[in-house]
């Protein structure tokens, strides 16, 4: 899967939790970004 930009979500301990290829666009993109950020913040 290739996309520019690619966002990498990394946990506090340096583990890659998720990758998102391509931009976060529009209201649905904003919601998707927020969900992924909350997911990363919950990881311990």
C-alpha atoms as a PDB file:
ATOM      1  CA  UNK A   1       0.000   0.000   0.000  1.00  0.00           C
ATOM      2  CA  UNK A   2       1.567   3.287  -1.109  1.00  0.00           C
ATOM      3  CA  UNK A   3       0.266   6.763  -0.497  1.00  0.00           C
ATOM      4  CA  UNK A   4       1.608  10.252  -0.086  1.00  0.00           C
ATOM      5  CA  UNK A   5       1.427  11.478   2.517  1.00  0.00           C
ATOM      6  CA  UNK A   6       1.573   8.468   4.822  1.00  0.00           C
ATOM      7  CA  UNK A   7       0.786   9.004   8.502  1.00  0.00           C
ATOM      8  CA  UNK A   8       2.397   6.611  10.974  1.00  0.00           C
ATOM      9  CA  UNK A   9       0.811   6.266  14.410  1.00  0.00           C
ATOM     10  CA  UNK A  10       3.414   5.250  17.000  1.00  0.00           C
ATOM     11  CA  UNK A  11       2.777   4.240  20.616  1.00  0.00           C
ATOM     12  CA  UNK A  12       4.726   5.745  23.491  1.00  0.00           C
ATOM     13  CA  UNK A  13       7.025   2.733  23.533  1.00  0.00           C
ATOM     14  CA  UNK A  14       7.848   3.144  19.822  1.00  0.00           C
ATOM     15  CA  UNK A  15       5.608   0.409  18.412  1.00  0.00           C
ATOM     16  CA  UNK A  16       3.883   1.168  15.099  1.00  0.00           C
ATOM     17  CA  UNK A  17       0.177   0.915  15.828  1.00  0.00           C
ATOM     18  CA  UNK A  18      -1.285   1.975  12.507  1.00  0.00           C
ATOM     19  CA  UNK A  19      -0.447   3.402   9.089  1.00  0.00           C
ATOM     20  CA  UNK A  20      -2.706   5.643   7.031  1.00  0.00           C
ATOM     21  CA  UNK A  21      -1.749   6.114   3.373  1.00  0.00           C
ATOM     22  CA  UNK A  22      -2.980   9.330   1.797  1.00  0.00           C
ATOM     23  CA  UNK A  23      -4.425  12.500   3.281  1.00  0.00           C
ATOM     24  CA  UNK A  24      -7.203  12.872   5.831  1.00  0.00           C
ATOM     25  CA  UNK A  25      -9.761  14.810   3.771  1.00  0.00           C
ATOM     26  CA  UNK A  26     -12.988  16.533   4.780  1.00  0.00           C
ATOM     27  CA  UNK A  27     -15.203  15.863   7.796  1.00  0.00           C
ATOM     28  CA  UNK A  28     -14.872  12.070   7.533  1.00  0.00           C
ATOM     29  CA  UNK A  29     -11.097  12.399   7.344  1.00  0.00           C
ATOM     30  CA  UNK A  30     -11.098  14.558  10.466  1.00  0.00           C
ATOM     31  CA  UNK A  31     -13.172  11.983  12.323  1.00  0.00           C
ATOM     32  CA  UNK A  32     -10.885   9.161  11.180  1.00  0.00           C
ATOM     33  CA  UNK A  33      -7.809  11.095  12.334  1.00  0.00           C
ATOM     34  CA  UNK A  34      -9.372  11.779  15.743  1.00  0.00           C
ATOM     35  CA  UNK A  35     -10.296   8.089  16.165  1.00  0.00           C
ATOM     36  CA  UNK A  36      -6.736   7.010  15.394  1.00  0.00           C
ATOM     37  CA  UNK A  37      -5.240   9.600  17.755  1.00  0.00           C
ATOM     38  CA  UNK A  38      -7.525   8.446  20.568  1.00  0.00           C
ATOM     39  CA  UNK A  39      -6.559   4.829  19.824  1.00  0.00           C
ATOM     40  CA  UNK A  40      -2.852   5.674  20.123  1.00  0.00           C
ATOM     41  CA  UNK A  41      -3.384   7.611  23.365  1.00  0.00           C
ATOM     42  CA  UNK A  42      -5.170   4.622  24.931  1.00  0.00           C
ATOM     43  CA  UNK A  43      -2.206   2.308  24.248  1.00  0.00           C
ATOM     44  CA  UNK A  44       0.107   1.687  27.178  1.00  0.00           C
END
